[in-house]
Amino acid sequence: MRGNINMAEKRGVMITFSVRTEKIKPSEKTVFFRKLYGWKQVVPNENKVYEYERPGILDEIPHEKVDQSSFIVPEDSLDEIMEFFEQWHSKVMLKTFRVLLDKETRSIFDEFEEDDE
C-alpha cells in the first residue's frame, strides 16, 4: 500500500539538451549558456576589479543539475523553462522525461522556494 503520498508533489521533469553545432555560431552558443545558467562579469578598473553576477533562467527556477546538459525541474516549473527553450528550438535539441522525485531532490526544491519568500 502506498499510504498518503501526494504524487503531484513528487513529480519533476528531467530536461536534456544538445546544441546543434552545425546550426549555431559560437557567439550564439555563449548567449544561450549565459541566458540559461547565468554568468559572472568581471570588469577591471584602474585600481579595482568589479564582479557582477548575471543571473540566468535557472537562477529563478528550482532545479537539480544532473549533468552538463541535463537537469531536473519541478513539474509546475516546466512551462517557464519550455518557453526559454522554444526560442532556441532550431539550434538546440531538447528531450524531456517525467520523473518521480526522491526525498533529497524534493527537499532541494522546497529550500529554493523558501529562499524566494
Protein backbone atom coordinates (compact mmCIF):
# COMPACT_ATOMS: atom_id res chain seq x y z
CA MET A 1 0.00 0.00 0.00
CA ARG A 2 1.31 3.45 -0.87
CA GLY A 3 -0.02 5.36 2.11
CA ASN A 4 -0.73 9.08 1.87
CA ILE A 5 1.79 10.03 -0.79
CA ASN A 6 0.72 13.01 -2.86
CA MET A 7 2.23 12.06 -6.22
CA ALA A 8 1.68 15.56 -7.67
CA GLU A 9 4.19 16.92 -5.17
CA LYS A 10 6.72 14.26 -6.08
CA ARG A 11 6.92 14.73 -9.85
CA GLY A 12 9.54 16.52 -11.86
CA VAL A 13 10.80 16.73 -15.40
CA MET A 14 14.31 15.87 -16.48
CA ILE A 15 15.42 18.04 -19.37
CA THR A 16 18.33 17.06 -21.56
CA PHE A 17 19.60 19.18 -24.40
CA SER A 18 22.24 19.19 -27.07
CA VAL A 19 23.47 22.21 -29.00
CA ARG A 20 23.36 21.71 -32.77
CA THR A 21 26.91 22.83 -33.50
CA GLU A 22 26.29 22.93 -37.25
CA LYS A 23 23.43 25.44 -36.78
CA ILE A 24 24.72 27.73 -34.04
CA LYS A 25 27.50 30.30 -34.13
CA PRO A 26 29.99 30.30 -31.24
CA SER A 27 28.70 33.70 -30.09
CA GLU A 28 25.11 32.38 -30.07
CA LYS A 29 26.20 29.36 -28.06
CA THR A 30 27.72 31.71 -25.47
CA VAL A 31 24.48 33.71 -25.31
CA PHE A 32 22.44 30.51 -24.91
CA PHE A 33 24.50 29.20 -21.99
CA ARG A 34 24.65 32.61 -20.30
CA LYS A 35 20.88 33.02 -20.52
CA LEU A 36 20.35 29.51 -19.18
CA TYR A 37 22.95 29.28 -16.39
CA GLY A 38 23.91 32.93 -15.82
CA TRP A 39 27.47 34.20 -15.70
CA LYS A 40 29.95 36.27 -13.76
CA GLN A 41 31.00 39.53 -15.38
CA VAL A 42 34.45 40.82 -14.38
CA VAL A 43 35.17 44.49 -15.06
CA PRO A 44 38.73 45.65 -14.39
CA ASN A 45 39.24 49.27 -13.42
CA GLU A 46 42.44 51.18 -12.71
CA ASN A 47 42.65 50.22 -9.04
CA LYS A 48 39.94 47.63 -8.59
CA VAL A 49 38.18 44.72 -10.24
CA TYR A 50 34.40 44.70 -10.14
CA GLU A 51 32.49 41.42 -10.32
CA TYR A 52 28.82 41.16 -11.17
CA GLU A 53 26.65 38.05 -11.05
CA ARG A 54 24.37 38.00 -14.08
CA PRO A 55 21.51 35.57 -13.42
CA GLY A 56 20.24 33.02 -15.90
CA ILE A 57 16.79 31.49 -16.11
CA LEU A 58 17.82 28.59 -13.87
CA ASP A 59 18.62 31.05 -11.09
CA GLU A 60 14.87 31.71 -10.94
CA ILE A 61 13.68 28.11 -11.26
CA PRO A 62 14.34 25.38 -8.70
CA HIS A 63 16.43 22.69 -10.36
CA GLU A 64 18.88 19.89 -9.75
CA LYS A 65 21.70 19.66 -12.24
CA VAL A 66 22.22 16.05 -13.34
CA ASP A 67 24.99 16.55 -15.89
CA GLN A 68 26.46 19.30 -18.06
CA SER A 69 23.41 19.38 -20.34
CA SER A 70 20.68 17.92 -18.18
CA PHE A 71 18.75 18.98 -15.12
CA ILE A 72 15.51 18.27 -13.26
CA VAL A 73 12.85 20.89 -12.55
CA PRO A 74 9.58 20.56 -10.66
CA GLU A 75 6.70 19.75 -12.98
CA ASP A 76 5.00 23.07 -12.18
CA SER A 77 8.06 24.99 -13.47
CA LEU A 78 8.09 23.26 -16.85
CA ASP A 79 6.19 25.95 -18.79
CA GLU A 80 8.71 28.65 -17.93
CA ILE A 81 11.74 26.61 -18.97
CA MET A 82 9.99 25.39 -22.13
CA GLU A 83 9.35 29.00 -23.17
CA PHE A 84 13.08 29.60 -22.94
CA PHE A 85 13.97 26.53 -25.00
CA GLU A 86 11.31 27.38 -27.60
CA GLN A 87 13.36 30.46 -28.51
CA TRP A 88 16.27 28.14 -29.34
CA HIS A 89 14.35 25.27 -30.97
CA SER A 90 16.21 25.46 -34.30
CA LYS A 91 19.64 25.46 -32.63
CA VAL A 92 19.19 23.23 -29.58
CA MET A 93 17.73 19.70 -29.46
CA LEU A 94 15.64 19.06 -26.38
CA LYS A 95 14.20 15.96 -24.70
CA THR A 96 12.05 15.81 -21.60
CA PHE A 97 11.35 12.90 -19.28
CA ARG A 98 8.82 12.90 -16.46
CA VAL A 99 10.40 11.57 -13.26
CA LEU A 100 9.42 10.92 -9.66
CA LEU A 101 11.47 12.93 -7.20
CA ASP A 102 13.21 11.33 -4.26
CA LYS A 103 13.15 13.00 -0.83
CA GLU A 104 16.56 14.63 -1.30
CA THR A 105 15.70 16.30 -4.61
CA ARG A 106 12.29 17.38 -3.35
CA SER A 107 13.92 19.00 -0.31
CA ILE A 108 16.27 20.97 -2.59
CA PHE A 109 13.24 22.31 -4.47
CA ASP A 110 11.49 23.15 -1.18
CA GLU A 111 14.57 25.07 0.05
CA PHE A 112 14.70 27.02 -3.22
CA GLU A 113 11.07 28.05 -2.80
CA GLU A 114 11.68 29.08 0.85
CA ASP A 115 14.56 31.31 -0.25
CA ASP A 116 12.20 33.16 -2.63
CA GLU A 117 9.81 34.15 0.16
